[in-house]
Amino acid sequence: ACREEELSYEYRDGATSYGAFTYSLAKELRRSRQGRRNPSFRRLVALTTRRLQALQYEQTPSLVGPRALLGRPIPWDTRRG
């Protein structure tokens, strides 16, 4: 959840601890879903990076994958359960 030369940090939300990256990523996913936005994988990483910076974590997410997929929108599951 960070570059090789960086440390991965924990985020405390009340009595619960999360990885700072995981917390930030989940927040951005929820925010995008609630706003009915469908960001690309690249955009999601940029939003997650911005949230980590706002929380004052020196942790830089990196995204690895096929270039053809990184710019595509996240495929939300639209089924209702």
C-alpha atoms as a PDB file:
ATOM      1  CA  ALA A   1       0.000   0.000   0.000  1.00  0.00           C
ATOM      2  CA  CYS A   2       3.038   2.231  -0.326  1.00  0.00           C
ATOM      3  CA  ARG A   3       6.262   2.545  -2.254  1.00  0.00           C
ATOM      4  CA  GLU A   4       9.088   0.198  -1.410  1.00  0.00           C
ATOM      5  CA  GLU A   5      11.156   2.900   0.320  1.00  0.00           C
ATOM      6  CA  GLU A   6       8.218   4.152   2.433  1.00  0.00           C
ATOM      7  CA  LEU A   7       6.581   2.967   5.621  1.00  0.00           C
ATOM      8  CA  SER A   8       2.981   1.821   5.753  1.00  0.00           C
ATOM      9  CA  TYR A   9       1.016   3.563   8.520  1.00  0.00           C
ATOM     10  CA  GLU A  10      -1.969   2.713  10.697  1.00  0.00           C
ATOM     11  CA  TYR A  11      -4.978   5.020  11.000  1.00  0.00           C
ATOM     12  CA  ARG A  12      -7.007   5.029  14.201  1.00  0.00           C
ATOM     13  CA  ASP A  13     -10.733   5.655  13.956  1.00  0.00           C
ATOM     14  CA  GLY A  14     -11.950   5.607  17.539  1.00  0.00           C
ATOM     15  CA  ALA A  15     -10.969   2.236  19.009  1.00  0.00           C
ATOM     16  CA  THR A  16     -10.484   0.649  15.589  1.00  0.00           C
ATOM     17  CA  SER A  17      -7.224   0.616  13.608  1.00  0.00           C
ATOM     18  CA  TYR A  18      -6.974   0.384   9.843  1.00  0.00           C
ATOM     19  CA  GLY A  19      -4.110   0.625   7.428  1.00  0.00           C
ATOM     20  CA  ALA A  20      -3.995   4.284   6.355  1.00  0.00           C
ATOM     21  CA  PHE A  21      -4.144   3.285   2.688  1.00  0.00           C
ATOM     22  CA  THR A  22      -7.033   0.856   3.223  1.00  0.00           C
ATOM     23  CA  TYR A  23      -8.975   3.440   5.239  1.00  0.00           C
ATOM     24  CA  SER A  24      -8.415   6.143   2.613  1.00  0.00           C
ATOM     25  CA  LEU A  25      -9.231   3.850  -0.309  1.00  0.00           C
ATOM     26  CA  ALA A  26     -12.458   2.619   1.317  1.00  0.00           C
ATOM     27  CA  LYS A  27     -13.513   6.217   2.079  1.00  0.00           C
ATOM     28  CA  GLU A  28     -12.963   7.255  -1.539  1.00  0.00           C
ATOM     29  CA  LEU A  29     -14.764   4.199  -2.894  1.00  0.00           C
ATOM     30  CA  ARG A  30     -17.782   4.921  -0.669  1.00  0.00           C
ATOM     31  CA  ARG A  31     -17.735   8.601  -1.578  1.00  0.00           C
ATOM     32  CA  SER A  32     -17.610   7.838  -5.308  1.00  0.00           C
ATOM     33  CA  ARG A  33     -20.357   5.250  -5.046  1.00  0.00           C
ATOM     34  CA  GLN A  34     -22.638   7.530  -3.004  1.00  0.00           C
ATOM     35  CA  GLY A  35     -22.069  10.364  -5.469  1.00  0.00           C
ATOM     36  CA  ARG A  36     -22.819   7.976  -8.327  1.00  0.00           C
ATOM     37  CA  ARG A  37     -19.394   8.720  -9.782  1.00  0.00           C
ATOM     38  CA  ASN A  38     -17.457   6.086 -11.643  1.00  0.00           C
ATOM     39  CA  PRO A  39     -13.770   7.086 -11.475  1.00  0.00           C
ATOM     40  CA  SER A  40     -11.029   5.291 -13.326  1.00  0.00           C
ATOM     41  CA  PHE A  41      -8.537   3.235 -11.362  1.00  0.00           C
ATOM     42  CA  ARG A  42      -5.948   6.008 -11.892  1.00  0.00           C
ATOM     43  CA  ARG A  43      -8.348   8.649 -10.596  1.00  0.00           C
ATOM     44  CA  LEU A  44      -9.196   6.523  -7.559  1.00  0.00           C
ATOM     45  CA  VAL A  45      -5.500   6.250  -6.671  1.00  0.00           C
ATOM     46  CA  ALA A  46      -5.128  10.036  -7.082  1.00  0.00           C
ATOM     47  CA  LEU A  47      -8.101  10.624  -4.763  1.00  0.00           C
ATOM     48  CA  THR A  48      -6.711   8.132  -2.246  1.00  0.00           C
ATOM     49  CA  THR A  49      -3.305   9.843  -2.368  1.00  0.00           C
ATOM     50  CA  ARG A  50      -4.941  13.218  -1.735  1.00  0.00           C
ATOM     51  CA  ARG A  51      -6.831  11.826   1.270  1.00  0.00           C
ATOM     52  CA  LEU A  52      -3.626  10.316   2.711  1.00  0.00           C
ATOM     53  CA  GLN A  53      -1.926  13.697   2.350  1.00  0.00           C
ATOM     54  CA  ALA A  54      -4.854  15.450   4.053  1.00  0.00           C
ATOM     55  CA  LEU A  55      -4.470  13.005   6.945  1.00  0.00           C
ATOM     56  CA  GLN A  56      -0.747  13.893   6.959  1.00  0.00           C
ATOM     57  CA  TYR A  57       0.582  10.444   6.067  1.00  0.00           C
ATOM     58  CA  GLU A  58       3.754  10.310   4.009  1.00  0.00           C
ATOM     59  CA  GLN A  59       2.616   7.282   2.083  1.00  0.00           C
ATOM     60  CA  THR A  60       2.363   7.207  -1.709  1.00  0.00           C
ATOM     61  CA  PRO A  61       0.088   4.576  -3.256  1.00  0.00           C
ATOM     62  CA  SER A  62       1.246   3.075  -6.522  1.00  0.00           C
ATOM     63  CA  LEU A  63      -0.882   1.381  -9.126  1.00  0.00           C
ATOM     64  CA  VAL A  64       0.376  -1.557 -11.160  1.00  0.00           C
ATOM     65  CA  GLY A  65      -1.559  -3.207 -13.935  1.00  0.00           C
ATOM     66  CA  PRO A  66      -2.188  -3.315 -17.664  1.00  0.00           C
ATOM     67  CA  ARG A  67      -2.251   0.230 -19.088  1.00  0.00           C
ATOM     68  CA  ALA A  68      -5.393  -0.568 -21.023  1.00  0.00           C
ATOM     69  CA  LEU A  69      -7.267  -1.159 -17.747  1.00  0.00           C
ATOM     70  CA  LEU A  70      -5.869   1.614 -15.541  1.00  0.00           C
ATOM     71  CA  GLY A  71      -7.738   4.384 -17.340  1.00  0.00           C
ATOM     72  CA  ARG A  72     -11.041   2.514 -17.409  1.00  0.00           C
ATOM     73  CA  PRO A  73     -13.866   3.242 -14.985  1.00  0.00           C
ATOM     74  CA  ILE A  74     -14.260   0.971 -11.997  1.00  0.00           C
ATOM     75  CA  PRO A  75     -16.838  -1.703 -12.870  1.00  0.00           C
ATOM     76  CA  TRP A  76     -19.358  -1.310 -10.037  1.00  0.00           C
ATOM     77  CA  ASP A  77     -21.620  -4.251  -9.283  1.00  0.00           C
ATOM     78  CA  THR A  78     -25.061  -2.879 -10.109  1.00  0.00           C
ATOM     79  CA  ARG A  79     -27.012  -5.897  -8.893  1.00  0.00           C
ATOM     80  CA  ARG A  80     -29.270  -5.334  -5.921  1.00  0.00           C
ATOM     81  CA  GLY A  81     -29.210  -7.883  -3.147  1.00  0.00           C
END
